[in-house]
Amino acid sequence: AFFASTFMMVAAHSSLYVYYSLYLSDIGYSKTVIGLMWSLGVLVEIVFFFYQAPLFRRFGVRPLMLFSLAIAVVRFLMIGFGAQSLLVLLVAQVLHAATFGVHHSASVATLQRWFSGPLQARGQALFISISYGLGGTLGGLLLSACWDTLGARPVYLIAALMALLGLLAAILSYRWQAEAGRKS
């Protein structure tokens, strides 16, 4: 369930990595604004990574993981249905820190608990392969078919649904982890 969750989150983000610039261009944003949107997303991600330790100490991995997936649903809906507003688009880009940064860090922290010592490299490889390899590739392919047949907005609706499925899988994962902990 955990890997299904990370798979779905990265698949949802394919809507950004593959189509975000095209979508904004189609709406009428200039190349300069599009570049600034990408820069803003990267900047907030870097700021999050700098300050992440206190956040994880205060809130914990599980709540932050679930938060990132829930925010992803909102973010993709904002992009799909509100990107004509520069303000909505700016807020959606600031949320990149939550949808990518928080999710990635929470995933790595989870893996460090499961795959300790000499197994850590195997856990990381499994995570990267399933999430970024399969999730990114299959998400991009699925959303490509949607882009061609349904258009841009439905791509972001589908991305929001993927993030929602990722949230449900993460909830199951944490529930099953808690049940396994009580049994042992």
Protein backbone atom coordinates (compact mmCIF):
# COMPACT_ATOMS: atom_id res chain seq x y z
CA ALA A 1 0.00 0.00 0.00
CA PHE A 2 2.89 2.37 0.76
CA PHE A 3 4.48 1.80 -2.63
CA ALA A 4 1.09 2.11 -4.34
CA SER A 5 0.75 5.47 -2.61
CA THR A 6 4.13 6.74 -3.79
CA PHE A 7 3.47 5.36 -7.28
CA MET A 8 0.20 7.31 -7.49
CA MET A 9 1.74 10.54 -6.18
CA VAL A 10 4.53 10.52 -8.73
CA ALA A 11 2.12 9.47 -11.49
CA ALA A 12 -0.04 12.47 -10.57
CA HIS A 13 2.99 14.76 -10.73
CA SER A 14 3.54 13.66 -14.33
CA SER A 15 0.81 16.14 -15.14
CA LEU A 16 3.27 18.84 -14.14
CA TYR A 17 6.49 17.42 -15.46
CA VAL A 18 5.03 16.66 -18.89
CA TYR A 19 2.22 19.18 -19.45
CA TYR A 20 2.47 22.15 -17.10
CA SER A 21 4.40 24.41 -19.48
CA LEU A 22 2.20 23.44 -22.43
CA TYR A 23 -0.95 24.05 -20.40
CA LEU A 24 0.14 27.47 -19.22
CA SER A 25 1.22 28.40 -22.74
CA ASP A 26 -2.17 27.31 -24.11
CA ILE A 27 -3.90 29.51 -21.52
CA GLY A 28 -1.83 32.45 -22.72
CA TYR A 29 0.99 32.83 -20.20
CA SER A 30 4.31 34.04 -21.56
CA LYS A 31 7.48 31.98 -21.49
CA THR A 32 8.79 34.35 -18.82
CA VAL A 33 5.82 33.74 -16.51
CA ILE A 34 6.03 29.98 -17.11
CA GLY A 35 9.73 30.03 -16.24
CA LEU A 36 9.00 32.07 -13.12
CA MET A 37 6.34 29.54 -12.06
CA TRP A 38 8.87 26.72 -12.33
CA SER A 39 11.42 28.79 -10.42
CA LEU A 40 8.92 29.51 -7.66
CA GLY A 41 8.16 25.80 -7.27
CA VAL A 42 11.85 24.97 -6.98
CA LEU A 43 12.48 27.84 -4.57
CA VAL A 44 9.74 26.80 -2.11
CA GLU A 45 10.95 23.21 -2.34
CA ILE A 46 14.48 24.28 -1.38
CA VAL A 47 13.16 26.36 1.52
CA PHE A 48 11.14 23.39 2.75
CA PHE A 49 14.13 21.05 2.59
CA PHE A 50 16.15 23.57 4.62
CA TYR A 51 13.51 23.74 7.39
CA GLN A 52 12.10 20.22 7.23
CA ALA A 53 13.72 18.75 10.37
CA PRO A 54 11.71 20.84 12.87
CA LEU A 55 8.49 20.16 10.96
CA PHE A 56 9.04 16.40 11.03
CA ARG A 57 9.94 16.51 14.73
CA ARG A 58 6.82 18.48 15.55
CA PHE A 59 4.23 16.74 13.37
CA GLY A 60 5.69 13.32 12.52
CA VAL A 61 6.05 11.37 9.31
CA ARG A 62 2.53 9.93 9.06
CA PRO A 63 0.58 13.21 9.40
CA LEU A 64 2.92 15.00 7.01
CA MET A 65 2.67 12.20 4.43
CA LEU A 66 -1.13 12.28 4.56
CA PHE A 67 -1.10 16.09 4.46
CA SER A 68 1.08 16.10 1.34
CA LEU A 69 -1.25 13.74 -0.50
CA ALA A 70 -4.36 15.71 0.51
CA ILE A 71 -2.73 18.98 -0.56
CA ALA A 72 -1.81 17.37 -3.89
CA VAL A 73 -5.49 16.75 -4.60
CA VAL A 74 -6.21 20.43 -3.97
CA ARG A 75 -3.17 21.61 -5.92
CA PHE A 76 -3.99 19.66 -9.07
CA LEU A 77 -7.59 20.86 -8.98
CA MET A 78 -6.35 24.45 -8.57
CA ILE A 79 -4.08 24.09 -11.60
CA GLY A 80 -6.70 22.38 -13.73
CA PHE A 81 -9.59 24.66 -12.93
CA GLY A 82 -8.05 27.90 -11.68
CA ALA A 83 -4.82 28.49 -13.58
CA GLN A 84 -6.38 31.39 -15.49
CA SER A 85 -5.98 33.35 -12.27
CA LEU A 86 -2.34 34.27 -11.64
CA LEU A 87 -3.01 34.33 -7.88
CA VAL A 88 -4.42 30.77 -7.90
CA LEU A 89 -1.48 29.65 -10.00
CA LEU A 90 1.01 31.25 -7.58
CA VAL A 91 -0.60 29.53 -4.58
CA ALA A 92 -0.60 26.22 -6.45
CA GLN A 93 3.12 26.60 -7.15
CA VAL A 94 3.89 27.40 -3.51
CA LEU A 95 2.14 24.13 -2.64
CA HIS A 96 4.90 22.31 -4.52
CA ALA A 97 6.85 22.29 -1.26
CA ALA A 98 4.07 20.18 0.24
CA THR A 99 3.23 17.97 -2.71
CA PHE A 100 6.77 17.12 -3.71
CA GLY A 101 9.08 18.12 -0.85
CA VAL A 102 7.06 16.85 2.10
CA HIS A 103 6.02 13.70 0.27
CA HIS A 104 9.55 12.83 -0.78
CA SER A 105 11.01 13.41 2.69
CA ALA A 106 8.22 11.47 4.40
CA SER A 107 8.75 8.60 1.96
CA VAL A 108 12.48 8.51 2.62
CA ALA A 109 11.91 8.63 6.40
CA THR A 110 9.48 5.72 6.13
CA LEU A 111 11.96 3.73 4.09
CA GLN A 112 14.74 4.38 6.59
CA ARG A 113 12.62 2.73 9.27
CA TRP A 114 11.77 -0.27 7.12
CA PHE A 115 15.14 -0.78 5.45
CA SER A 116 17.86 -0.17 7.97
CA GLY A 117 21.59 -0.77 7.78
CA PRO A 118 22.75 -2.71 4.75
CA LEU A 119 19.20 -2.95 3.36
CA GLN A 120 18.85 0.83 3.03
CA ALA A 121 20.19 0.96 -0.55
CA ARG A 122 17.75 -1.78 -1.59
CA GLY A 123 14.84 0.08 -0.05
CA GLN A 124 15.82 3.29 -1.83
CA ALA A 125 16.19 1.42 -5.13
CA LEU A 126 12.76 -0.15 -4.71
CA PHE A 127 11.23 3.25 -3.92
CA ILE A 128 12.86 5.00 -6.89
CA SER A 129 12.00 2.16 -9.29
CA ILE A 130 8.35 1.87 -8.29
CA SER A 131 7.60 5.54 -7.69
CA TYR A 132 9.67 7.52 -10.15
CA GLY A 133 10.36 4.77 -12.68
CA LEU A 134 6.98 3.07 -13.00
CA GLY A 135 4.82 5.84 -11.53
CA GLY A 136 6.43 8.58 -13.59
CA THR A 137 6.45 6.57 -16.80
CA LEU A 138 2.97 5.08 -16.59
CA GLY A 139 1.52 8.34 -15.27
CA GLY A 140 3.02 10.21 -18.21
CA LEU A 141 1.68 7.66 -20.70
CA LEU A 142 -1.82 7.63 -19.24
CA LEU A 143 -1.98 11.40 -19.01
CA SER A 144 -0.66 11.66 -22.57
CA ALA A 145 -3.63 9.68 -23.83
CA CYS A 146 -5.92 11.91 -21.75
CA TRP A 147 -4.26 15.09 -23.02
CA ASP A 148 -4.75 13.99 -26.63
CA THR A 149 -8.36 12.86 -26.25
CA LEU A 150 -9.84 14.91 -23.39
CA GLY A 151 -7.74 18.06 -23.21
CA ALA A 152 -5.77 19.84 -20.53
CA ARG A 153 -8.24 20.31 -17.68
CA PRO A 154 -9.20 16.64 -17.43
CA VAL A 155 -5.48 15.81 -17.13
CA TYR A 156 -5.34 17.75 -13.86
CA LEU A 157 -8.63 16.26 -12.67
CA ILE A 158 -7.17 12.79 -13.27
CA ALA A 159 -3.97 13.85 -11.49
CA ALA A 160 -6.10 14.93 -8.51
CA LEU A 161 -7.83 11.53 -8.55
CA MET A 162 -4.45 9.80 -8.65
CA ALA A 163 -3.34 11.81 -5.61
CA LEU A 164 -6.60 10.88 -3.87
CA LEU A 165 -5.97 7.20 -4.59
CA GLY A 166 -2.45 7.70 -3.23
CA LEU A 167 -3.94 9.20 -0.07
CA LEU A 168 -6.26 6.23 0.39
CA ALA A 169 -3.36 3.80 -0.15
CA ALA A 170 -1.25 5.69 2.39
CA ILE A 171 -4.05 5.55 4.96
CA LEU A 172 -4.25 1.78 4.43
CA SER A 173 -0.48 1.47 4.67
CA TYR A 174 -0.31 3.27 8.00
CA ARG A 175 -3.31 1.31 9.33
CA TRP A 176 -1.69 -1.99 8.36
CA GLN A 177 1.63 -0.89 9.88
CA ALA A 178 -0.12 -0.08 13.16
CA GLU A 179 -1.94 -3.44 13.14
CA ALA A 180 1.32 -5.30 12.46
CA GLY A 181 2.97 -3.40 15.33
CA ARG A 182 0.20 -4.43 17.75
CA LYS A 183 0.50 -8.09 16.73
CA SER A 184 4.24 -8.28 17.28
